[in-house]
Amino acid sequence: RAESQFVDAYETLRGALLRATSLRDRVLPDAERAVQEAREAWERGLFGFLEVLDAERTRVDLRVTYVQALADVHREAAELERVVAAPLDAPPSAPDPGGRP
C-alpha cells in the first residue's frame, strides 16, 4: 500500500512538472510570438485590432493556466512529502525565466 501511494504521488508530481515545464518552455513563448505578430500585422494594416485583442486574451489565459499548473506542482509535491513523511530536498518548480507568471 505505501509503495503504491508513493508511485502514485511521484507519477502525479512528475506529470504536473512536465505540464508546467511544457507551458513555460513551449506554449507561453508561442503565445508571446503570436501577440507580437498580431501587433505587427495590425500596425501594417493587415489585421484588425480584434485579432490583436484575441491574441492578448489567449496569452493571458495561458498565463493563468501556467500559474494553475505551478500550483498543481506544489500541491503534488506536498502530497509526495506527506506520503514519504519527509520534506523533499529541493522544492519543485518551473518558474518563468522572466520572473512573471
Protein backbone atom coordinates (compact mmCIF):
# COMPACT_ATOMS: atom_id res chain seq x y z
CA ARG A 1 0.00 0.00 0.00
CA ALA A 2 2.72 2.52 0.92
CA GLU A 3 4.69 1.70 -2.22
CA SER A 4 1.60 2.19 -4.34
CA GLN A 5 0.90 5.55 -2.69
CA PHE A 6 4.49 6.60 -3.33
CA VAL A 7 4.38 5.59 -7.00
CA ASP A 8 1.04 7.35 -7.49
CA ALA A 9 2.23 10.54 -5.78
CA TYR A 10 5.52 10.52 -7.67
CA GLU A 11 3.90 9.98 -11.06
CA THR A 12 1.30 12.67 -10.39
CA LEU A 13 4.05 15.12 -9.41
CA ARG A 14 6.08 14.16 -12.46
CA GLY A 15 3.08 14.80 -14.72
CA ALA A 16 2.43 18.18 -13.09
CA LEU A 17 6.08 19.16 -13.58
CA LEU A 18 6.01 18.11 -17.23
CA ARG A 19 2.85 20.14 -17.84
CA ALA A 20 4.24 23.27 -16.16
CA THR A 21 7.55 22.93 -18.00
CA SER A 22 5.82 22.47 -21.35
CA LEU A 23 3.70 25.55 -20.76
CA ARG A 24 6.75 27.58 -19.75
CA ASP A 25 9.09 26.40 -22.48
CA ARG A 26 6.80 25.99 -25.48
CA VAL A 27 3.26 27.25 -25.09
CA LEU A 28 3.91 30.64 -23.47
CA PRO A 29 6.71 31.62 -25.88
CA ASP A 30 4.43 30.70 -28.81
CA ALA A 31 1.68 32.86 -27.34
CA GLU A 32 4.13 35.76 -26.92
CA ARG A 33 5.17 35.42 -30.57
CA ALA A 34 1.53 35.31 -31.67
CA VAL A 35 0.81 38.56 -29.84
CA GLN A 36 3.86 40.23 -31.36
CA GLU A 37 2.97 39.02 -34.86
CA ALA A 38 -0.64 40.19 -34.44
CA ARG A 39 0.54 43.63 -33.32
CA GLU A 40 2.93 43.93 -36.25
CA ALA A 41 0.23 42.84 -38.69
CA TRP A 42 -2.19 45.36 -37.17
CA GLU A 43 0.41 48.12 -37.49
CA ARG A 44 0.78 47.24 -41.20
CA GLY A 45 -2.98 47.25 -41.63
CA LEU A 46 -3.20 43.51 -42.25
CA PHE A 47 -5.16 42.65 -39.08
CA GLY A 48 -7.93 44.37 -37.22
CA PHE A 49 -7.49 45.31 -33.60
CA LEU A 50 -9.82 42.48 -32.56
CA GLU A 51 -7.21 39.97 -33.74
CA VAL A 52 -4.64 41.66 -31.51
CA LEU A 53 -7.03 41.55 -28.56
CA ASP A 54 -7.77 37.90 -29.23
CA ALA A 55 -4.05 37.05 -29.22
CA GLU A 56 -3.63 39.02 -25.97
CA ARG A 57 -6.58 37.22 -24.36
CA THR A 58 -5.16 33.86 -25.37
CA ARG A 59 -1.79 34.80 -23.87
CA VAL A 60 -3.42 35.88 -20.59
CA ASP A 61 -5.49 32.69 -20.45
CA LEU A 62 -2.34 30.63 -20.97
CA ARG A 63 -0.53 32.50 -18.21
CA VAL A 64 -3.41 31.70 -15.87
CA THR A 65 -3.15 28.06 -16.94
CA TYR A 66 0.60 28.17 -16.20
CA VAL A 67 0.04 29.58 -12.71
CA GLN A 68 -2.54 26.86 -12.08
CA ALA A 69 0.00 24.29 -13.29
CA LEU A 70 2.58 25.65 -10.84
CA ALA A 71 0.02 25.40 -8.04
CA ASP A 72 -0.55 21.77 -9.07
CA VAL A 73 3.19 21.11 -8.88
CA HIS A 74 3.39 22.44 -5.35
CA ARG A 75 0.24 20.64 -4.26
CA GLU A 76 1.55 17.36 -5.64
CA ALA A 77 4.97 17.94 -4.05
CA ALA A 78 3.22 18.40 -0.71
CA GLU A 79 1.33 15.16 -1.29
CA LEU A 80 4.57 13.31 -2.02
CA GLU A 81 6.11 14.77 1.14
CA ARG A 82 3.08 13.54 3.07
CA VAL A 83 3.45 10.05 1.61
CA VAL A 84 7.17 9.79 2.39
CA ALA A 85 6.79 11.69 5.69
CA ALA A 86 9.76 13.90 4.91
CA PRO A 87 10.44 17.12 3.04
CA LEU A 88 11.75 16.93 -0.49
CA ASP A 89 15.35 18.15 -0.85
CA ALA A 90 14.51 20.88 -3.33
CA PRO A 91 11.03 22.25 -3.91
CA PRO A 92 9.99 21.52 -7.48
CA SER A 93 9.05 24.47 -9.58
CA ALA A 94 9.07 25.67 -13.12
CA PRO A 95 9.49 29.43 -12.77
CA ASP A 96 9.10 31.72 -15.72
CA PRO A 97 12.56 32.82 -16.89
CA GLY A 98 11.29 36.41 -16.91
CA GLY A 99 10.04 36.14 -13.35
CA ARG A 100 6.45 36.54 -14.48
CA PRO A 101 3.65 34.02 -14.04
